[in-house]
C-alpha atoms as a PDB file:
ATOM      1  CA  MET A   1     -59.907  -6.296 -52.619  1.00  0.00           C
ATOM      2  CA  GLU A   2     -62.300  -6.105 -55.559  1.00  0.00           C
ATOM      3  CA  ALA A   3     -64.494  -3.634 -53.662  1.00  0.00           C
ATOM      4  CA  LEU A   4     -61.511  -1.346 -52.964  1.00  0.00           C
ATOM      5  CA  LEU A   5     -60.588  -1.398 -56.621  1.00  0.00           C
ATOM      6  CA  GLY A   6     -64.178  -0.435 -57.491  1.00  0.00           C
ATOM      7  CA  TYR A   7     -64.098   2.507 -55.075  1.00  0.00           C
ATOM      8  CA  ALA A   8     -60.738   3.636 -56.437  1.00  0.00           C
ATOM      9  CA  LEU A   9     -62.026   3.428 -60.018  1.00  0.00           C
ATOM     10  CA  ILE A  10     -65.131   5.458 -59.148  1.00  0.00           C
ATOM     11  CA  PHE A  11     -62.986   8.033 -57.381  1.00  0.00           C
ATOM     12  CA  MET A  12     -60.414   8.334 -60.170  1.00  0.00           C
ATOM     13  CA  ALA A  13     -62.984   8.405 -62.956  1.00  0.00           C
ATOM     14  CA  ARG A  14     -64.812  11.196 -61.162  1.00  0.00           C
ATOM     15  CA  VAL A  15     -61.576  13.157 -60.708  1.00  0.00           C
ATOM     16  CA  VAL A  16     -60.892  12.829 -64.435  1.00  0.00           C
ATOM     17  CA  ASP A  17     -64.401  13.773 -65.569  1.00  0.00           C
ATOM     18  CA  VAL A  18     -64.718  16.795 -63.272  1.00  0.00           C
ATOM     19  CA  SER A  19     -61.237  17.977 -64.286  1.00  0.00           C
ATOM     20  CA  MET A  20     -62.323  17.643 -67.906  1.00  0.00           C
ATOM     21  CA  ALA A  21     -65.480  19.625 -67.126  1.00  0.00           C
ATOM     22  CA  THR A  22     -63.391  22.460 -65.713  1.00  0.00           C
ATOM     23  CA  THR A  23     -61.180  22.501 -68.794  1.00  0.00           C
ATOM     24  CA  ARG A  24     -64.196  22.256 -71.120  1.00  0.00           C
ATOM     25  CA  THR A  25     -65.847  25.209 -69.387  1.00  0.00           C
ATOM     26  CA  LEU A  26     -62.711  27.262 -69.979  1.00  0.00           C
ATOM     27  CA  MET A  27     -62.772  26.249 -73.645  1.00  0.00           C
ATOM     28  CA  VAL A  28     -66.438  27.259 -73.962  1.00  0.00           C
ATOM     29  CA  VAL A  29     -65.808  30.666 -72.382  1.00  0.00           C
ATOM     30  CA  GLN A  30     -62.919  31.271 -74.774  1.00  0.00           C
ATOM     31  CA  GLY A  31     -64.963  30.204 -77.790  1.00  0.00           C
ATOM     32  CA  ARG A  32     -62.857  27.113 -78.548  1.00  0.00           C
ATOM     33  CA  ARG A  33     -65.752  25.066 -79.900  1.00  0.00           C
ATOM     34  CA  LEU A  34     -63.941  22.038 -81.294  1.00  0.00           C
ATOM     35  CA  GLN A  35     -61.816  21.494 -78.188  1.00  0.00           C
ATOM     36  CA  ALA A  36     -64.855  21.950 -75.921  1.00  0.00           C
ATOM     37  CA  ALA A  37     -66.884  19.465 -77.959  1.00  0.00           C
ATOM     38  CA  ALA A  38     -64.114  16.846 -77.956  1.00  0.00           C
ATOM     39  CA  ILE A  39     -63.538  17.147 -74.221  1.00  0.00           C
ATOM     40  CA  GLY A  40     -67.309  17.087 -73.581  1.00  0.00           C
ATOM     41  CA  PHE A  41     -67.672  13.848 -75.554  1.00  0.00           C
ATOM     42  CA  PHE A  42     -65.227  11.970 -73.332  1.00  0.00           C
ATOM     43  CA  GLU A  43     -66.312  13.760 -70.169  1.00  0.00           C
ATOM     44  CA  VAL A  44     -69.952  12.720 -70.489  1.00  0.00           C
ATOM     45  CA  GLY A  45     -68.976   9.148 -71.384  1.00  0.00           C
ATOM     46  CA  ILE A  46     -67.011   8.817 -68.159  1.00  0.00           C
ATOM     47  CA  TYR A  47     -69.719  10.585 -66.166  1.00  0.00           C
ATOM     48  CA  VAL A  48     -72.567   8.347 -67.356  1.00  0.00           C
ATOM     49  CA  THR A  49     -70.520   5.172 -66.863  1.00  0.00           C
ATOM     50  CA  VAL A  50     -69.557   6.059 -63.300  1.00  0.00           C
ATOM     51  CA  LEU A  51     -72.992   7.386 -62.403  1.00  0.00           C
ATOM     52  CA  GLY A  52     -74.512   4.136 -63.669  1.00  0.00           C
ATOM     53  CA  LYS A  53     -72.187   2.113 -61.426  1.00  0.00           C
ATOM     54  CA  VAL A  54     -73.108   4.192 -58.368  1.00  0.00           C
ATOM     55  CA  VAL A  55     -76.866   4.293 -59.060  1.00  0.00           C
ATOM     56  CA  SER A  56     -77.025   0.562 -59.783  1.00  0.00           C
ATOM     57  CA  SER A  57     -75.752  -0.180 -56.286  1.00  0.00           C
ATOM     58  CA  LEU A  58     -77.232   2.460 -54.021  1.00  0.00           C
ATOM     59  CA  ASP A  59     -77.179  -0.106 -51.222  1.00  0.00           C
ATOM     60  CA  ASN A  60     -73.403   0.446 -51.028  1.00  0.00           C
ATOM     61  CA  PRO A  61     -72.818   3.869 -49.426  1.00  0.00           C
ATOM     62  CA  LEU A  62     -69.056   3.623 -50.037  1.00  0.00           C
ATOM     63  CA  ASN A  63     -69.678   3.884 -53.798  1.00  0.00           C
ATOM     64  CA  LEU A  64     -71.499   7.151 -53.152  1.00  0.00           C
ATOM     65  CA  LEU A  65     -68.703   8.301 -50.841  1.00  0.00           C
ATOM     66  CA  ALA A  66     -66.069   7.553 -53.521  1.00  0.00           C
ATOM     67  CA  TYR A  67     -68.223   9.383 -56.088  1.00  0.00           C
ATOM     68  CA  CYS A  68     -68.545  12.475 -53.867  1.00  0.00           C
ATOM     69  CA  ALA A  69     -64.862  12.460 -52.906  1.00  0.00           C
ATOM     70  CA  GLY A  70     -63.913  12.151 -56.576  1.00  0.00           C
ATOM     71  CA  PHE A  71     -66.089  15.140 -57.414  1.00  0.00           C
ATOM     72  CA  ALA A  72     -64.445  17.258 -54.709  1.00  0.00           C
ATOM     73  CA  ALA A  73     -60.938  16.180 -55.709  1.00  0.00           C
ATOM     74  CA  GLY A  74     -61.797  16.700 -59.383  1.00  0.00           C
ATOM     75  CA  ASN A  75     -62.657  20.333 -58.710  1.00  0.00           C
ATOM     76  CA  PHE A  76     -59.304  20.818 -56.993  1.00  0.00           C
ATOM     77  CA  VAL A  77     -57.373  19.038 -59.753  1.00  0.00           C
ATOM     78  CA  GLY A  78     -59.311  20.791 -62.520  1.00  0.00           C
ATOM     79  CA  ILE A  79     -58.594  24.242 -61.115  1.00  0.00           C
ATOM     80  CA  THR A  80     -54.927  23.316 -60.654  1.00  0.00           C
ATOM     81  CA  ILE A  81     -54.697  22.136 -64.274  1.00  0.00           C
ATOM     82  CA  GLU A  82     -56.509  25.233 -65.505  1.00  0.00           C
ATOM     83  CA  ASN A  83     -54.047  27.465 -63.638  1.00  0.00           C
ATOM     84  CA  LYS A  84     -51.096  25.571 -65.153  1.00  0.00           C
ATOM     85  CA  ILE A  85     -52.505  25.764 -68.679  1.00  0.00           C
ATOM     86  CA  ALA A  86     -53.344  29.464 -68.151  1.00  0.00           C
ATOM     87  CA  MET A  87     -54.950  29.944 -71.547  1.00  0.00           C
ATOM     88  CA  GLY A  88     -56.510  33.206 -72.499  1.00  0.00           C
ATOM     89  CA  ASN A  89     -55.791  36.887 -72.213  1.00  0.00           C
ATOM     90  CA  LEU A  90     -56.012  39.471 -69.475  1.00  0.00           C
ATOM     91  CA  SER A  91     -56.225  43.213 -69.288  1.00  0.00           C
ATOM     92  CA  ALA A  92     -54.334  44.871 -66.439  1.00  0.00           C
ATOM     93  CA  GLN A  93     -54.747  48.425 -65.218  1.00  0.00           C
ATOM     94  CA  ILE A  94     -51.945  49.702 -63.016  1.00  0.00           C
ATOM     95  CA  ILE A  95     -52.026  52.874 -60.940  1.00  0.00           C
ATOM     96  CA  LEU A  96     -48.796  53.770 -59.162  1.00  0.00           C
ATOM     97  CA  LYS A  97     -48.841  55.025 -55.595  1.00  0.00           C
ATOM     98  CA  SER A  98     -45.345  56.394 -55.266  1.00  0.00           C
ATOM     99  CA  SER A  99     -42.946  55.967 -58.169  1.00  0.00           C
ATOM    100  CA  SER A 100     -42.703  57.668 -61.515  1.00  0.00           C
ATOM    101  CA  GLU A 101     -44.717  55.874 -64.183  1.00  0.00           C
ATOM    102  CA  SER A 102     -41.862  56.190 -66.684  1.00  0.00           C
ATOM    103  CA  ASP A 103     -39.757  53.757 -64.617  1.00  0.00           C
ATOM    104  CA  LEU A 104     -42.563  51.206 -64.662  1.00  0.00           C
ATOM    105  CA  VAL A 105     -43.343  51.744 -68.333  1.00  0.00           C
ATOM    106  CA  ASP A 106     -39.679  51.061 -69.124  1.00  0.00           C
ATOM    107  CA  ALA A 107     -39.648  47.966 -66.882  1.00  0.00           C
ATOM    108  CA  LEU A 108     -42.818  46.590 -68.477  1.00  0.00           C
ATOM    109  CA  ARG A 109     -41.672  47.264 -72.027  1.00  0.00           C
ATOM    110  CA  ASN A 110     -38.267  45.717 -71.257  1.00  0.00           C
ATOM    111  CA  ASN A 111     -40.198  42.599 -70.176  1.00  0.00           C
ATOM    112  CA  GLY A 112     -42.023  42.459 -73.507  1.00  0.00           C
ATOM    113  CA  PHE A 113     -45.332  44.069 -72.504  1.00  0.00           C
ATOM    114  CA  GLY A 114     -47.147  46.673 -74.561  1.00  0.00           C
ATOM    115  CA  VAL A 115     -48.226  49.595 -72.380  1.00  0.00           C
ATOM    116  CA  THR A 116     -50.792  52.307 -73.039  1.00  0.00           C
ATOM    117  CA  ILE A 117     -50.774  55.329 -70.728  1.00  0.00           C
ATOM    118  CA  LEU A 118     -54.113  56.938 -69.868  1.00  0.00           C
ATOM    119  CA  GLU A 119     -54.793  59.982 -67.723  1.00  0.00           C
ATOM    120  CA  GLY A 120     -57.043  59.532 -64.727  1.00  0.00           C
ATOM    121  CA  GLN A 121     -58.297  61.561 -61.807  1.00  0.00           C
ATOM    122  CA  GLY A 122     -58.167  60.120 -58.307  1.00  0.00           C
ATOM    123  CA  ILE A 123     -59.049  61.455 -54.895  1.00  0.00           C
ATOM    124  CA  GLU A 124     -55.459  62.654 -54.528  1.00  0.00           C
ATOM    125  CA  GLY A 125     -55.367  64.325 -57.938  1.00  0.00           C
ATOM    126  CA  PRO A 126     -54.241  63.313 -61.403  1.00  0.00           C
ATOM    127  CA  ARG A 127     -52.875  59.800 -61.895  1.00  0.00           C
ATOM    128  CA  GLU A 128     -51.451  57.898 -64.827  1.00  0.00           C
ATOM    129  CA  ILE A 129     -53.227  54.615 -65.560  1.00  0.00           C
ATOM    130  CA  LEU A 130     -51.110  52.037 -67.332  1.00  0.00           C
ATOM    131  CA  SER A 131     -53.108  49.628 -69.463  1.00  0.00           C
ATOM    132  CA  VAL A 132     -51.506  46.314 -70.413  1.00  0.00           C
ATOM    133  CA  VAL A 133     -53.010  43.402 -72.360  1.00  0.00           C
ATOM    134  CA  LEU A 134     -51.199  40.144 -71.682  1.00  0.00           C
ATOM    135  CA  ASN A 135     -51.358  36.379 -71.925  1.00  0.00           C
ATOM    136  CA  ARG A 136     -52.512  34.729 -68.693  1.00  0.00           C
ATOM    137  CA  LYS A 137     -49.228  32.835 -68.540  1.00  0.00           C
ATOM    138  CA  ASP A 138     -47.433  36.157 -68.121  1.00  0.00           C
ATOM    139  CA  MET A 139     -49.427  37.436 -65.131  1.00  0.00           C
ATOM    140  CA  GLN A 140     -46.716  36.617 -62.569  1.00  0.00           C
ATOM    141  CA  LYS A 141     -44.102  38.236 -64.811  1.00  0.00           C
ATOM    142  CA  LEU A 142     -46.231  41.402 -64.893  1.00  0.00           C
ATOM    143  CA  LYS A 143     -46.643  41.438 -61.105  1.00  0.00           C
ATOM    144  CA  SER A 144     -42.898  40.999 -60.621  1.00  0.00           C
ATOM    145  CA  ALA A 145     -42.127  43.853 -63.010  1.00  0.00           C
ATOM    146  CA  VAL A 146     -44.584  46.144 -61.202  1.00  0.00           C
ATOM    147  CA  ASP A 147     -43.266  45.127 -57.758  1.00  0.00           C
ATOM    148  CA  SER A 148     -39.706  45.872 -58.858  1.00  0.00           C
ATOM    149  CA  VAL A 149     -40.734  49.528 -59.268  1.00  0.00           C
ATOM    150  CA  ASP A 150     -43.621  50.070 -56.824  1.00  0.00           C
ATOM    151  CA  THR A 151     -44.813  47.444 -54.333  1.00  0.00           C
ATOM    152  CA  ASN A 152     -47.791  49.656 -53.441  1.00  0.00           C
ATOM    153  CA  ALA A 153     -49.145  49.952 -56.993  1.00  0.00           C
ATOM    154  CA  PHE A 154     -52.865  49.344 -57.437  1.00  0.00           C
ATOM    155  CA  ILE A 155     -53.424  46.593 -60.021  1.00  0.00           C
ATOM    156  CA  THR A 156     -56.697  45.292 -61.420  1.00  0.00           C
ATOM    157  CA  ILE A 157     -56.884  42.373 -63.811  1.00  0.00           C
ATOM    158  CA  ASN A 158     -59.810  41.307 -66.013  1.00  0.00           C
ATOM    159  CA  ASN A 159     -60.309  38.388 -68.382  1.00  0.00           C
ATOM    160  CA  ILE A 160     -60.736  39.593 -71.944  1.00  0.00           C
ATOM    161  CA  THR A 161     -61.209  38.323 -75.467  1.00  0.00           C
ATOM    162  CA  PRO A 162     -59.188  40.500 -77.845  1.00  0.00           C
ATOM    163  CA  VAL A 163     -60.873  41.075 -81.181  1.00  0.00           C
ATOM    164  CA  ARG A 164     -57.859  42.171 -83.229  1.00  0.00           C
ATOM    165  CA  GLY A 165     -54.692  44.211 -83.168  1.00  0.00           C
ATOM    166  CA  GLY A 166     -52.715  45.175 -80.121  1.00  0.00           C
ATOM    167  CA  TYR A 167     -49.256  44.172 -79.012  1.00  0.00           C
ATOM    168  CA  PHE A 168     -48.408  40.791 -77.559  1.00  0.00           C
ATOM    169  CA  ALA A 169     -44.874  39.672 -76.845  1.00  0.00           C
ATOM    170  CA  PRO A 170     -43.825  36.853 -79.202  1.00  0.00           C
ATOM    171  CA  MET A 171     -44.603  33.387 -77.853  1.00  0.00           C
ATOM    172  CA  LYS A 172     -41.528  31.574 -76.573  1.00  0.00           C
ATOM    173  CA  LYS A 173     -41.184  27.958 -77.673  1.00  0.00           C
END
């Protein structure tokens, strides 16, 4: 029973530390230094403690198995958490295939998005390119608004770090 508890602790600690690593990496990319440092402090403490337990008993392959399984599960959990948190900003470019861009511009603006219209040239002639900067949490809302007007629209999305200005819908509490 004690051995099973040890394996479970190794597994769970590894899930927690790898999930923290995923979140910390996101914080680093977004320039959130204090949050990244705080998470990193606890992450490395867990990591070293668990690694020490596994390395001190390399004769027990189940410790290593729990460690590896925890790492794999931690990646899954970390990505899931990161998607739920959805911090950061995106830039979307939308090119319509069939509908009038004014319908989509109205739909997007009615959903709280700021829209900039650019002129582009495609293989089939002139096209309007709609540029939208949004919070990551609002990506599904953007896709739904676009799909309500044109399910064949071409959408690209990039991670960005806004410097200043622009229009963001007020945060809902």
